PDB file of N, CA and C in Angstrom:
ATOM      1  N   MET A   1       0.821  -1.199   0.000  1.00  0.00           N
ATOM      2  CA  MET A   1       0.000   0.000   0.000  1.00  0.00           C
ATOM      3  C   MET A   1       0.861   1.258   0.000  1.00  0.00           C
ATOM      4  N   GLY A   2       1.936   1.242   0.791  1.00  0.00           N
ATOM      5  CA  GLY A   2       2.820   2.403   0.884  1.00  0.00           C
ATOM      6  C   GLY A   2       3.521   2.695  -0.430  1.00  0.00           C
ATOM      7  N   ARG A   3       3.927   1.624  -1.137  1.00  0.00           N
ATOM      8  CA  ARG A   3       4.585   1.817  -2.427  1.00  0.00           C
ATOM      9  C   ARG A   3       3.612   2.384  -3.457  1.00  0.00           C
ATOM     10  N   THR A   4       2.385   1.948  -3.401  1.00  0.00           N
ATOM     11  CA  THR A   4       1.378   2.446  -4.343  1.00  0.00           C
ATOM     12  C   THR A   4       1.141   3.925  -4.126  1.00  0.00           C
ATOM     13  N   LEU A   5       1.021   4.358  -2.877  1.00  0.00           N
ATOM     14  CA  LEU A   5       0.832   5.784  -2.584  1.00  0.00           C
ATOM     15  C   LEU A   5       2.052   6.589  -3.002  1.00  0.00           C
ATOM     16  N   GLY A   6       3.227   6.037  -2.810  1.00  0.00           N
ATOM     17  CA  GLY A   6       4.450   6.718  -3.240  1.00  0.00           C
ATOM     18  C   GLY A   6       4.494   6.888  -4.747  1.00  0.00           C
ATOM     19  N   PHE A   7       4.090   5.848  -5.481  1.00  0.00           N
ATOM     20  CA  PHE A   7       4.062   5.920  -6.938  1.00  0.00           C
ATOM     21  C   PHE A   7       3.033   6.939  -7.414  1.00  0.00           C
ATOM     22  N   VAL A   8       1.867   6.960  -6.812  1.00  0.00           N
ATOM     23  CA  VAL A   8       0.829   7.928  -7.172  1.00  0.00           C
ATOM     24  C   VAL A   8       1.322   9.344  -6.874  1.00  0.00           C
ATOM     25  N   GLY A   9       1.995   9.516  -5.743  1.00  0.00           N
ATOM     26  CA  GLY A   9       2.557  10.822  -5.396  1.00  0.00           C
ATOM     27  C   GLY A   9       3.598  11.265  -6.415  1.00  0.00           C
ATOM     28  N   LEU A  10       4.436  10.329  -6.861  1.00  0.00           N
ATOM     29  CA  LEU A  10       5.441  10.632  -7.865  1.00  0.00           C
ATOM     30  C   LEU A  10       4.786  11.074  -9.179  1.00  0.00           C
ATOM     31  N   ILE A  11       3.757  10.377  -9.591  1.00  0.00           N
ATOM     32  CA  ILE A  11       3.040  10.725 -10.829  1.00  0.00           C
ATOM     33  C   ILE A  11       2.436  12.123 -10.711  1.00  0.00           C
ATOM     34  N   ILE A  12       1.889  12.462  -9.562  1.00  0.00           N
ATOM     35  CA  ILE A  12       1.291  13.791  -9.355  1.00  0.00           C
ATOM     36  C   ILE A  12       2.370  14.872  -9.433  1.00  0.00           C
ATOM     37  N   VAL A  13       3.504  14.649  -8.798  1.00  0.00           N
ATOM     38  CA  VAL A  13       4.593  15.634  -8.809  1.00  0.00           C
ATOM     39  C   VAL A  13       5.128  15.829 -10.231  1.00  0.00           C
ATOM     40  N   VAL A  14       5.306  14.749 -10.979  1.00  0.00           N
ATOM     41  CA  VAL A  14       5.787  14.853 -12.352  1.00  0.00           C
ATOM     42  C   VAL A  14       4.761  15.597 -13.212  1.00  0.00           C
ATOM     43  N   GLY A  15       3.481  15.333 -13.002  1.00  0.00           N
ATOM     44  CA  GLY A  15       2.434  16.034 -13.741  1.00  0.00           C
ATOM     45  C   GLY A  15       2.427  17.526 -13.465  1.00  0.00           C
ATOM     46  N   ILE A  16       2.568  17.896 -12.200  1.00  0.00           N
ATOM     47  CA  ILE A  16       2.614  19.315 -11.835  1.00  0.00           C
ATOM     48  C   ILE A  16       3.859  19.975 -12.422  1.00  0.00           C
ATOM     49  N   GLY A  17       4.991  19.293 -12.366  1.00  0.00           N
ATOM     50  CA  GLY A  17       6.227  19.832 -12.941  1.00  0.00           C
ATOM     51  C   GLY A  17       6.098  20.033 -14.442  1.00  0.00           C
ATOM     52  N   GLY A  18       5.500  19.088 -15.137  1.00  0.00           N
ATOM     53  CA  GLY A  18       5.285  19.228 -16.579  1.00  0.00           C
ATOM     54  C   GLY A  18       4.361  20.385 -16.901  1.00  0.00           C
ATOM     55  N   TYR A  19       3.302  20.536 -16.115  1.00  0.00           N
ATOM     56  CA  TYR A  19       2.357  21.638 -16.327  1.00  0.00           C
ATOM     57  C   TYR A  19       3.046  22.987 -16.145  1.00  0.00           C
ATOM     58  N   LEU A  20       3.830  23.136 -15.081  1.00  0.00           N
ATOM     59  CA  LEU A  20       4.540  24.393 -14.838  1.00  0.00           C
ATOM     60  C   LEU A  20       5.563  24.671 -15.933  1.00  0.00           C
ATOM     61  N   SER A  21       6.249  23.639 -16.389  1.00  0.00           N
ATOM     62  CA  SER A  21       7.231  23.805 -17.463  1.00  0.00           C
ATOM     63  C   SER A  21       6.565  24.279 -18.748  1.00  0.00           C
ATOM     64  N   MET A  22       5.434  23.726 -19.081  1.00  0.00           N
ATOM     65  CA  MET A  22       4.712  24.133 -20.294  1.00  0.00           C
ATOM     66  C   MET A  22       4.251  25.584 -20.185  1.00  0.00           C
ATOM     67  N   ASN A  23       3.814  26.001 -19.016  1.00  0.00           N
ATOM     68  CA  ASN A  23       3.373  27.383 -18.825  1.00  0.00           C
ATOM     69  C   ASN A  23       4.533  28.354 -18.976  1.00  0.00           C
ATOM     70  N   GLN A  24       5.712  28.007 -18.470  1.00  0.00           N
ATOM     71  CA  GLN A  24       6.869  28.882 -18.601  1.00  0.00           C
ATOM     72  C   GLN A  24       7.312  28.979 -20.051  1.00  0.00           C
ATOM     73  N   THR A  25       7.264  27.898 -20.783  1.00  0.00           N
ATOM     74  CA  THR A  25       7.629  27.914 -22.191  1.00  0.00           C
ATOM     75  C   THR A  25       6.643  28.759 -22.985  1.00  0.00           C
ATOM     76  N   ALA A  26       5.380  28.689 -22.649  1.00  0.00           N
ATOM     77  CA  ALA A  26       4.357  29.465 -23.355  1.00  0.00           C
ATOM     78  C   ALA A  26       4.549  30.958 -23.133  1.00  0.00           C
ATOM     79  N   GLN A  27       5.155  31.359 -22.026  1.00  0.00           N
ATOM     80  CA  GLN A  27       5.373  32.775 -21.767  1.00  0.00           C
ATOM     81  C   GLN A  27       6.505  33.334 -22.615  1.00  0.00           C
ATOM     82  N   ILE A  28       7.406  32.499 -23.087  1.00  0.00           N
ATOM     83  CA  ILE A  28       8.525  32.962 -23.904  1.00  0.00           C
ATOM     84  C   ILE A  28       8.038  33.345 -25.296  1.00  0.00           C
ATOM     85  N   THR A  29       7.245  32.485 -25.883  1.00  0.00           N
ATOM     86  CA  THR A  29       6.702  32.747 -27.210  1.00  0.00           C
ATOM     87  C   THR A  29       5.201  32.534 -27.173  1.00  0.00           C
ATOM     88  N   PRO A  30       4.479  33.035 -28.163  1.00  0.00           N
ATOM     89  CA  PRO A  30       3.025  32.899 -28.158  1.00  0.00           C
ATOM     90  C   PRO A  30       2.578  31.444 -28.138  1.00  0.00           C
ATOM     91  N   VAL A  31       1.390  31.224 -27.618  1.00  0.00           N
ATOM     92  CA  VAL A  31       0.821  29.878 -27.545  1.00  0.00           C
ATOM     93  C   VAL A  31       0.644  29.340 -28.959  1.00  0.00           C
ATOM     94  N   GLY A  32       0.968  28.079 -29.142  1.00  0.00           N
ATOM     95  CA  GLY A  32       0.798  27.450 -30.434  1.00  0.00           C
ATOM     96  C   GLY A  32       2.022  27.542 -31.322  1.00  0.00           C
ATOM     97  N   SER A  33       3.083  28.176 -30.876  1.00  0.00           N
ATOM     98  CA  SER A  33       4.270  28.286 -31.720  1.00  0.00           C
ATOM     99  C   SER A  33       5.032  26.969 -31.701  1.00  0.00           C
ATOM    100  N   ASN A  34       5.858  26.796 -32.705  1.00  0.00           N
ATOM    101  CA  ASN A  34       6.616  25.560 -32.800  1.00  0.00           C
ATOM    102  C   ASN A  34       8.001  25.735 -32.190  1.00  0.00           C
ATOM    103  N   PRO A  35       8.726  24.648 -31.985  1.00  0.00           N
ATOM    104  CA  PRO A  35      10.054  24.753 -31.370  1.00  0.00           C
ATOM    105  C   PRO A  35      11.029  25.620 -32.164  1.00  0.00           C
ATOM    106  N   LYS A  36      10.932  25.618 -33.494  1.00  0.00           N
ATOM    107  CA  LYS A  36      11.823  26.446 -34.301  1.00  0.00           C
ATOM    108  C   LYS A  36      11.618  27.923 -33.991  1.00  0.00           C
ATOM    109  N   THR A  37      10.362  28.339 -33.819  1.00  0.00           N
ATOM    110  CA  THR A  37      10.070  29.726 -33.466  1.00  0.00           C
ATOM    111  C   THR A  37      10.682  30.069 -32.115  1.00  0.00           C
ATOM    112  N   THR A  38      10.535  29.172 -31.152  1.00  0.00           N
ATOM    113  CA  THR A  38      11.099  29.395 -29.822  1.00  0.00           C
ATOM    114  C   THR A  38      12.613  29.543 -29.891  1.00  0.00           C
ATOM    115  N   ILE A  39      13.258  28.697 -30.678  1.00  0.00           N
ATOM    116  CA  ILE A  39      14.714  28.763 -30.822  1.00  0.00           C
ATOM    117  C   ILE A  39      15.122  30.080 -31.470  1.00  0.00           C
ATOM    118  N   ASN A  40      14.423  30.473 -32.541  1.00  0.00           N
ATOM    119  CA  ASN A  40      14.753  31.722 -33.230  1.00  0.00           C
ATOM    120  C   ASN A  40      14.551  32.936 -32.342  1.00  0.00           C
ATOM    121  N   VAL A  41      13.447  32.968 -31.594  1.00  0.00           N
ATOM    122  CA  VAL A  41      13.176  34.102 -30.710  1.00  0.00           C
ATOM    123  C   VAL A  41      14.230  34.179 -29.610  1.00  0.00           C
ATOM    124  N   THR A  42      14.613  33.046 -29.056  1.00  0.00           N
ATOM    125  CA  THR A  42      15.645  33.032 -28.018  1.00  0.00           C
ATOM    126  C   THR A  42      16.978  33.512 -28.581  1.00  0.00           C
ATOM    127  N   ALA A  43      17.307  33.104 -29.801  1.00  0.00           N
ATOM    128  CA  ALA A  43      18.554  33.546 -30.435  1.00  0.00           C
ATOM    129  C   ALA A  43      18.543  35.053 -30.663  1.00  0.00           C
ATOM    130  N   VAL A  44      17.409  35.587 -31.114  1.00  0.00           N
ATOM    131  CA  VAL A  44      17.298  37.033 -31.344  1.00  0.00           C
ATOM    132  C   VAL A  44      17.404  37.787 -30.017  1.00  0.00           C
ATOM    133  N   GLN A  45      16.780  37.273 -28.969  1.00  0.00           N
ATOM    134  CA  GLN A  45      16.889  37.919 -27.661  1.00  0.00           C
ATOM    135  C   GLN A  45      18.339  37.930 -27.186  1.00  0.00           C
ATOM    136  N   ASN A  46      19.065  36.842 -27.400  1.00  0.00           N
ATOM    137  CA  ASN A  46      20.492  36.802 -27.028  1.00  0.00           C
ATOM    138  C   ASN A  46      21.292  37.804 -27.852  1.00  0.00           C
ATOM    139  N   ASP A  47      20.978  37.921 -29.143  1.00  0.00           N
ATOM    140  CA  ASP A  47      21.645  38.916 -29.985  1.00  0.00           C
ATOM    141  C   ASP A  47      21.406  40.324 -29.445  1.00  0.00           C
ATOM    142  N   LEU A  48      20.152  40.609 -29.104  1.00  0.00           N
ATOM    143  CA  LEU A  48      19.817  41.944 -28.593  1.00  0.00           C
ATOM    144  C   LEU A  48      20.554  42.251 -27.300  1.00  0.00           C
ATOM    145  N   LEU A  49      20.636  41.262 -26.406  1.00  0.00           N
ATOM    146  CA  LEU A  49      21.362  41.487 -25.149  1.00  0.00           C
ATOM    147  C   LEU A  49      22.852  41.703 -25.403  1.00  0.00           C
ATOM    148  N   ALA A  50      23.428  40.980 -26.361  1.00  0.00           N
ATOM    149  CA  ALA A  50      24.850  41.179 -26.691  1.00  0.00           C
ATOM    150  C   ALA A  50      25.074  42.582 -27.238  1.00  0.00           C
ATOM    151  N   MET A  51      24.176  43.032 -28.116  1.00  0.00           N
ATOM    152  CA  MET A  51      24.311  44.381 -28.669  1.00  0.00           C
ATOM    153  C   MET A  51      24.088  45.445 -27.597  1.00  0.00           C
ATOM    154  N   ALA A  52      23.139  45.204 -26.681  1.00  0.00           N
ATOM    155  CA  ALA A  52      22.887  46.164 -25.601  1.00  0.00           C
ATOM    156  C   ALA A  52      24.093  46.258 -24.670  1.00  0.00           C
ATOM    157  N   ASN A  53      24.719  45.141 -24.378  1.00  0.00           N
ATOM    158  CA  ASN A  53      25.931  45.178 -23.544  1.00  0.00           C
ATOM    159  C   ASN A  53      27.071  45.885 -24.266  1.00  0.00           C
ATOM    160  N   ALA A  54      27.152  45.717 -25.580  1.00  0.00           N
ATOM    161  CA  ALA A  54      28.161  46.445 -26.356  1.00  0.00           C
ATOM    162  C   ALA A  54      27.889  47.947 -26.300  1.00  0.00           C
ATOM    163  N   GLU A  55      26.614  48.335 -26.359  1.00  0.00           N
ATOM    164  CA  GLU A  55      26.246  49.759 -26.222  1.00  0.00           C
ATOM    165  C   GLU A  55      26.700  50.298 -24.864  1.00  0.00           C
ATOM    166  N   ARG A  56      26.478  49.520 -23.830  1.00  0.00           N
ATOM    167  CA  ARG A  56      26.862  49.969 -22.486  1.00  0.00           C
ATOM    168  C   ARG A  56      28.381  50.105 -22.361  1.00  0.00           C
ATOM    169  N   ARG A  57      29.125  49.181 -22.963  1.00  0.00           N
ATOM    170  CA  ARG A  57      30.591  49.293 -22.951  1.00  0.00           C
ATOM    171  C   ARG A  57      31.040  50.519 -23.739  1.00  0.00           C
ATOM    172  N   TYR A  58      30.396  50.767 -24.871  1.00  0.00           N
ATOM    173  CA  TYR A  58      30.726  51.931 -25.689  1.00  0.00           C
ATOM    174  C   TYR A  58      30.450  53.212 -24.909  1.00  0.00           C
ATOM    175  N   TRP A  59      29.327  53.238 -24.207  1.00  0.00           N
ATOM    176  CA  TRP A  59      28.972  54.419 -23.412  1.00  0.00           C
ATOM    177  C   TRP A  59      29.992  54.658 -22.297  1.00  0.00           C
ATOM    178  N   ALA A  60      30.501  53.585 -21.698  1.00  0.00           N
ATOM    179  CA  ALA A  60      31.470  53.719 -20.605  1.00  0.00           C
ATOM    180  C   ALA A  60      32.766  54.378 -21.077  1.00  0.00           C
ATOM    181  N   THR A  61      33.132  54.167 -22.327  1.00  0.00           N
ATOM    182  CA  THR A  61      34.376  54.760 -22.816  1.00  0.00           C
ATOM    183  C   THR A  61      34.179  56.059 -23.599  1.00  0.00           C
ATOM    184  N   ASN A  62      32.971  56.288 -24.127  1.00  0.00           N
ATOM    185  CA  ASN A  62      32.738  57.456 -24.981  1.00  0.00           C
ATOM    186  C   ASN A  62      31.679  58.421 -24.456  1.00  0.00           C
ATOM    187  N   ALA A  63      31.027  58.088 -23.363  1.00  0.00           N
ATOM    188  CA  ALA A  63      29.988  58.925 -22.738  1.00  0.00           C
ATOM    189  C   ALA A  63      28.815  59.214 -23.679  1.00  0.00           C
ATOM    190  N   LYS A  64      28.572  58.309 -24.606  1.00  0.00           N
ATOM    191  CA  LYS A  64      27.390  58.388 -25.474  1.00  0.00           C
ATOM    192  C   LYS A  64      27.137  57.000 -26.037  1.00  0.00           C
ATOM    193  N   TYR A  65      25.916  56.784 -26.505  1.00  0.00           N
ATOM    194  CA  TYR A  65      25.587  55.517 -27.140  1.00  0.00           C
ATOM    195  C   TYR A  65      25.855  55.623 -28.633  1.00  0.00           C
ATOM    196  N   ALA A  66      26.010  54.476 -29.292  1.00  0.00           N
ATOM    197  CA  ALA A  66      26.414  54.456 -30.693  1.00  0.00           C
ATOM    198  C   ALA A  66      25.356  53.802 -31.571  1.00  0.00           C
ATOM    199  N   SER A  67      25.448  54.077 -32.862  1.00  0.00           N
ATOM    200  CA  SER A  67      24.607  53.373 -33.828  1.00  0.00           C
ATOM    201  C   SER A  67      25.184  51.972 -34.030  1.00  0.00           C
ATOM    202  N   LEU A  68      24.424  51.106 -34.666  1.00  0.00           N
ATOM    203  CA  LEU A  68      24.930  49.760 -34.921  1.00  0.00           C
ATOM    204  C   LEU A  68      26.148  49.789 -35.840  1.00  0.00           C
ATOM    205  N   ASP A  69      26.166  50.726 -36.787  1.00  0.00           N
ATOM    206  CA  ASP A  69      27.336  50.849 -37.664  1.00  0.00           C
ATOM    207  C   ASP A  69      28.581  51.240 -36.878  1.00  0.00           C
ATOM    208  N   GLU A  70      28.444  52.151 -35.919  1.00  0.00           N
ATOM    209  CA  GLU A  70      29.592  52.538 -35.088  1.00  0.00           C
ATOM    210  C   GLU A  70      30.076  51.363 -34.251  1.00  0.00           C
ATOM    211  N   LEU A  71      29.146  50.585 -33.709  1.00  0.00           N
ATOM    212  CA  LEU A  71      29.533  49.405 -32.926  1.00  0.00           C
ATOM    213  C   LEU A  71      30.258  48.396 -33.811  1.00  0.00           C
ATOM    214  N   ARG A  72      29.771  48.229 -35.024  1.00  0.00           N
ATOM    215  CA  ARG A  72      30.404  47.293 -35.956  1.00  0.00           C
ATOM    216  C   ARG A  72      31.812  47.773 -36.313  1.00  0.00           C
ATOM    217  N   ARG A  73      31.942  49.075 -36.603  1.00  0.00           N
ATOM    218  CA  ARG A  73      33.265  49.622 -36.963  1.00  0.00           C
ATOM    219  C   ARG A  73      34.243  49.538 -35.808  1.00  0.00           C
ATOM    220  N   SER A  74      33.759  49.759 -34.583  1.00  0.00           N
ATOM    221  CA  SER A  74      34.663  49.704 -33.430  1.00  0.00           C
ATOM    222  C   SER A  74      35.078  48.271 -33.112  1.00  0.00           C
ATOM    223  N   GLY A  75      34.392  47.297 -33.702  1.00  0.00           N
ATOM    224  CA  GLY A  75      34.736  45.895 -33.469  1.00  0.00           C
ATOM    225  C   GLY A  75      34.243  45.371 -32.140  1.00  0.00           C
ATOM    226  N   ASP A  76      33.357  46.124 -31.479  1.00  0.00           N
ATOM    227  CA  ASP A  76      32.886  45.711 -30.166  1.00  0.00           C
ATOM    228  C   ASP A  76      31.923  44.530 -30.239  1.00  0.00           C
ATOM    229  N   VAL A  77      31.138  44.487 -31.298  1.00  0.00           N
ATOM    230  CA  VAL A  77      30.191  43.381 -31.432  1.00  0.00           C
ATOM    231  C   VAL A  77      29.899  43.163 -32.913  1.00  0.00           C
ATOM    232  N   PRO A  78      29.902  41.905 -33.347  1.00  0.00           N
ATOM    233  CA  PRO A  78      29.464  41.656 -34.724  1.00  0.00           C
ATOM    234  C   PRO A  78      27.932  41.692 -34.751  1.00  0.00           C
ATOM    235  N   ILE A  79      27.380  42.413 -35.700  1.00  0.00           N
ATOM    236  CA  ILE A  79      25.931  42.472 -35.821  1.00  0.00           C
ATOM    237  C   ILE A  79      25.499  41.212 -36.577  1.00  0.00           C
ATOM    238  N   PRO A  80      24.740  40.334 -35.908  1.00  0.00           N
ATOM    239  CA  PRO A  80      24.402  39.057 -36.535  1.00  0.00           C
ATOM    240  C   PRO A  80      23.439  39.230 -37.705  1.00  0.00           C
ATOM    241  N   SER A  81      23.409  38.235 -38.532  1.00  0.00           N
ATOM    242  CA  SER A  81      22.457  38.213 -39.627  1.00  0.00           C
ATOM    243  C   SER A  81      21.608  36.964 -39.451  1.00  0.00           C
ATOM    244  N   ARG A  82      20.340  37.175 -39.183  1.00  0.00           N
ATOM    245  CA  ARG A  82      19.408  36.069 -38.968  1.00  0.00           C
ATOM    246  C   ARG A  82      18.334  36.107 -40.036  1.00  0.00           C
ATOM    247  N   GLN A  83      17.979  34.933 -40.512  1.00  0.00           N
ATOM    248  CA  GLN A  83      16.948  34.847 -41.529  1.00  0.00           C
ATOM    249  C   GLN A  83      15.640  35.415 -40.983  1.00  0.00           C
ATOM    250  N   ASP A  84      15.011  36.283 -41.746  1.00  0.00           N
ATOM    251  CA  ASP A  84      13.709  36.896 -41.449  1.00  0.00           C
ATOM    252  C   ASP A  84      13.762  37.966 -40.366  1.00  0.00           C
ATOM    253  N   TYR A  85      14.938  38.311 -39.825  1.00  0.00           N
ATOM    254  CA  TYR A  85      15.043  39.366 -38.816  1.00  0.00           C
ATOM    255  C   TYR A  85      16.021  40.440 -39.292  1.00  0.00           C
ATOM    256  N   THR A  86      15.654  41.695 -39.072  1.00  0.00           N
ATOM    257  CA  THR A  86      16.567  42.807 -39.326  1.00  0.00           C
ATOM    258  C   THR A  86      16.717  43.595 -38.034  1.00  0.00           C
ATOM    259  N   TYR A  87      17.920  44.100 -37.797  1.00  0.00           N
ATOM    260  CA  TYR A  87      18.220  44.843 -36.580  1.00  0.00           C
ATOM    261  C   TYR A  87      18.385  46.325 -36.908  1.00  0.00           C
ATOM    262  N   SER A  88      17.877  47.162 -36.007  1.00  0.00           N
ATOM    263  CA  SER A  88      18.065  48.609 -36.136  1.00  0.00           C
ATOM    264  C   SER A  88      18.217  49.188 -34.734  1.00  0.00           C
ATOM    265  N   ALA A  89      18.816  50.366 -34.669  1.00  0.00           N
ATOM    266  CA  ALA A  89      19.035  51.000 -33.367  1.00  0.00           C
ATOM    267  C   ALA A  89      18.733  52.482 -33.451  1.00  0.00           C
ATOM    268  N   ASP A  90      18.198  52.993 -32.370  1.00  0.00           N
ATOM    269  CA  ASP A  90      17.988  54.426 -32.205  1.00  0.00           C
ATOM    270  C   ASP A  90      18.793  54.815 -30.970  1.00  0.00           C
ATOM    271  N   ALA A  91      19.873  55.565 -31.180  1.00  0.00           N
ATOM    272  CA  ALA A  91      20.777  55.898 -30.076  1.00  0.00           C
ATOM    273  C   ALA A  91      20.941  57.400 -29.942  1.00  0.00           C
ATOM    274  N   SER A  92      21.001  57.841 -28.693  1.00  0.00           N
ATOM    275  CA  SER A  92      21.303  59.242 -28.392  1.00  0.00           C
ATOM    276  C   SER A  92      22.406  59.252 -27.342  1.00  0.00           C
ATOM    277  N   ASP A  93      22.685  60.399 -26.785  1.00  0.00           N
ATOM    278  CA  ASP A  93      23.721  60.466 -25.754  1.00  0.00           C
ATOM    279  C   ASP A  93      23.321  59.719 -24.487  1.00  0.00           C
ATOM    280  N   ASN A  94      22.018  59.698 -24.159  1.00  0.00           N
ATOM    281  CA  ASN A  94      21.575  59.171 -22.874  1.00  0.00           C
ATOM    282  C   ASN A  94      20.733  57.906 -22.950  1.00  0.00           C
ATOM    283  N   ALA A  95      20.333  57.482 -24.128  1.00  0.00           N
ATOM    284  CA  ALA A  95      19.451  56.321 -24.228  1.00  0.00           C
ATOM    285  C   ALA A  95      19.641  55.632 -25.572  1.00  0.00           C
ATOM    286  N   PHE A  96      19.221  54.376 -25.618  1.00  0.00           N
ATOM    287  CA  PHE A  96      19.219  53.646 -26.883  1.00  0.00           C
ATOM    288  C   PHE A  96      18.097  52.624 -26.869  1.00  0.00           C
ATOM    289  N   THR A  97      17.658  52.255 -28.049  1.00  0.00           N
ATOM    290  CA  THR A  97      16.715  51.169 -28.244  1.00  0.00           C
ATOM    291  C   THR A  97      17.185  50.395 -29.471  1.00  0.00           C
ATOM    292  N   ILE A  98      17.339  49.102 -29.308  1.00  0.00           N
ATOM    293  CA  ILE A  98      17.708  48.237 -30.424  1.00  0.00           C
ATOM    294  C   ILE A  98      16.503  47.363 -30.721  1.00  0.00           C
ATOM    295  N   VAL A  99      16.123  47.293 -31.987  1.00  0.00           N
ATOM    296  CA  VAL A  99      14.905  46.591 -32.385  1.00  0.00           C
ATOM    297  C   VAL A  99      15.238  45.511 -33.412  1.00  0.00           C
ATOM    298  N   ALA A 100      14.671  44.327 -33.203  1.00  0.00           N
ATOM    299  CA  ALA A 100      14.719  43.252 -34.193  1.00  0.00           C
ATOM    300  C   ALA A 100      13.313  43.143 -34.773  1.00  0.00           C
ATOM    301  N   THR A 101      13.204  43.299 -36.090  1.00  0.00           N
ATOM    302  CA  THR A 101      11.910  43.262 -36.767  1.00  0.00           C
ATOM    303  C   THR A 101      11.814  41.988 -37.589  1.00  0.00           C
ATOM    304  N   TYR A 102      10.721  41.266 -37.399  1.00  0.00           N
ATOM    305  CA  TYR A 102      10.496  39.996 -38.089  1.00  0.00           C
ATOM    306  C   TYR A 102       9.733  40.239 -39.377  1.00  0.00           C
ATOM    307  N   SER A 103      10.183  39.611 -40.464  1.00  0.00           N
ATOM    308  CA  SER A 103       9.509  39.780 -41.754  1.00  0.00           C
ATOM    309  C   SER A 103       9.136  38.446 -42.385  1.00  0.00           C
ATOM    310  N   GLY A 104       9.152  37.378 -41.620  1.00  0.00           N
ATOM    311  CA  GLY A 104       8.846  36.047 -42.149  1.00  0.00           C
ATOM    312  C   GLY A 104       7.362  35.753 -42.168  1.00  0.00           C
ATOM    313  N   ALA A 105       7.038  34.510 -42.466  1.00  0.00           N
ATOM    314  CA  ALA A 105       5.647  34.099 -42.642  1.00  0.00           C
ATOM    315  C   ALA A 105       5.029  33.449 -41.407  1.00  0.00           C
ATOM    316  N   ASP A 106       5.801  33.156 -40.380  1.00  0.00           N
ATOM    317  CA  ASP A 106       5.264  32.476 -39.190  1.00  0.00           C
ATOM    318  C   ASP A 106       4.341  33.424 -38.427  1.00  0.00           C
ATOM    319  N   PRO A 107       3.050  33.105 -38.332  1.00  0.00           N
ATOM    320  CA  PRO A 107       2.119  34.017 -37.653  1.00  0.00           C
ATOM    321  C   PRO A 107       2.306  34.064 -36.137  1.00  0.00           C
ATOM    322  N   HIS A 108       3.032  33.086 -35.596  1.00  0.00           N
ATOM    323  CA  HIS A 108       3.224  33.050 -34.141  1.00  0.00           C
ATOM    324  C   HIS A 108       4.474  33.776 -33.673  1.00  0.00           C
ATOM    325  N   ALA A 109       5.351  34.112 -34.591  1.00  0.00           N
ATOM    326  CA  ALA A 109       6.591  34.805 -34.223  1.00  0.00           C
ATOM    327  C   ALA A 109       6.284  36.261 -33.895  1.00  0.00           C
ATOM    328  N   PRO A 110       6.898  36.794 -32.836  1.00  0.00           N
ATOM    329  CA  PRO A 110       6.692  38.212 -32.526  1.00  0.00           C
ATOM    330  C   PRO A 110       7.236  39.077 -33.660  1.00  0.00           C
ATOM    331  N   LYS A 111       6.503  40.100 -34.021  1.00  0.00           N
ATOM    332  CA  LYS A 111       6.886  40.963 -35.143  1.00  0.00           C
ATOM    333  C   LYS A 111       7.984  41.943 -34.769  1.00  0.00           C
ATOM    334  N   ARG A 112       8.102  42.234 -33.471  1.00  0.00           N
ATOM    335  CA  ARG A 112       9.084  43.232 -33.029  1.00  0.00           C
ATOM    336  C   ARG A 112       9.581  42.844 -31.641  1.00  0.00           C
ATOM    337  N   ILE A 113      10.893  42.745 -31.501  1.00  0.00           N
ATOM    338  CA  ILE A 113      11.521  42.482 -30.205  1.00  0.00           C
ATOM    339  C   ILE A 113      12.522  43.599 -29.988  1.00  0.00           C
ATOM    340  N   SER A 114      12.486  44.221 -28.811  1.00  0.00           N
ATOM    341  CA  SER A 114      13.393  45.350 -28.584  1.00  0.00           C
ATOM    342  C   SER A 114      14.025  45.277 -27.201  1.00  0.00           C
ATOM    343  N   VAL A 115      15.119  46.008 -27.059  1.00  0.00           N
ATOM    344  CA  VAL A 115      15.813  46.133 -25.782  1.00  0.00           C
ATOM    345  C   VAL A 115      16.291  47.579 -25.667  1.00  0.00           C
ATOM    346  N   ASP A 116      16.354  48.079 -24.429  1.00  0.00           N
ATOM    347  CA  ASP A 116      16.841  49.437 -24.224  1.00  0.00           C
ATOM    348  C   ASP A 116      17.979  49.424 -23.213  1.00  0.00           C
ATOM    349  N   GLN A 117      18.387  50.600 -22.764  1.00  0.00           N
ATOM    350  CA  GLN A 117      19.545  50.715 -21.878  1.00  0.00           C
ATOM    351  C   GLN A 117      19.337  50.042 -20.521  1.00  0.00           C
ATOM    352  N   THR A 118      18.102  49.710 -20.173  1.00  0.00           N
ATOM    353  CA  THR A 118      17.839  49.015 -18.906  1.00  0.00           C
ATOM    354  C   THR A 118      17.975  47.500 -19.064  1.00  0.00           C
ATOM    355  N   LEU A 119      18.263  47.041 -20.289  1.00  0.00           N
ATOM    356  CA  LEU A 119      18.381  45.623 -20.638  1.00  0.00           C
ATOM    357  C   LEU A 119      17.070  44.861 -20.485  1.00  0.00           C
ATOM    358  N   VAL A 120      15.952  45.565 -20.589  1.00  0.00           N
ATOM    359  CA  VAL A 120      14.639  44.931 -20.543  1.00  0.00           C
ATOM    360  C   VAL A 120      14.226  44.605 -21.971  1.00  0.00           C
ATOM    361  N   ILE A 121      13.894  43.338 -22.226  1.00  0.00           N
ATOM    362  CA  ILE A 121      13.462  42.923 -23.554  1.00  0.00           C
ATOM    363  C   ILE A 121      11.945  43.028 -23.629  1.00  0.00           C
ATOM    364  N   THR A 122      11.468  43.671 -24.700  1.00  0.00           N
ATOM    365  CA  THR A 122      10.042  43.855 -24.926  1.00  0.00           C
ATOM    366  C   THR A 122       9.679  43.165 -26.222  1.00  0.00           C
ATOM    367  N   THR A 123       8.593  42.395 -26.189  1.00  0.00           N
ATOM    368  CA  THR A 123       8.133  41.675 -27.373  1.00  0.00           C
ATOM    369  C   THR A 123       6.759  42.172 -27.768  1.00  0.00           C
ATOM    370  N   ASN A 124       6.608  42.502 -29.049  1.00  0.00           N
ATOM    371  CA  ASN A 124       5.310  42.953 -29.566  1.00  0.00           C
ATOM    372  C   ASN A 124       4.876  42.034 -30.674  1.00  0.00           C
TER     373      ASN A 124
END
């Protein structure tokens, strides 16, 4: 009897863990998206964070933020090239926003992912 209750308890814990894991994955990308979309969105978010950290390093040495072309020329960060995504930046002396815009056919992929000087990623 004790082993049966232990097994039932194990099944319940695994079920709850699976449910929580699925909910966390759904928060990363829209519901119904496929694994390829999740991988691409995660890669773009990592690219944005790398570029944002490069902006912060540039600001530490130059007291202003830079355009993506300036970052590329300084060699601080290579601007990645991802299929269906284009990167752009709006930089001033005190703030910046880097945007990845999606132009592919996947209806579940976010159309716009951005990051600013606070390193907060926003998905639209």
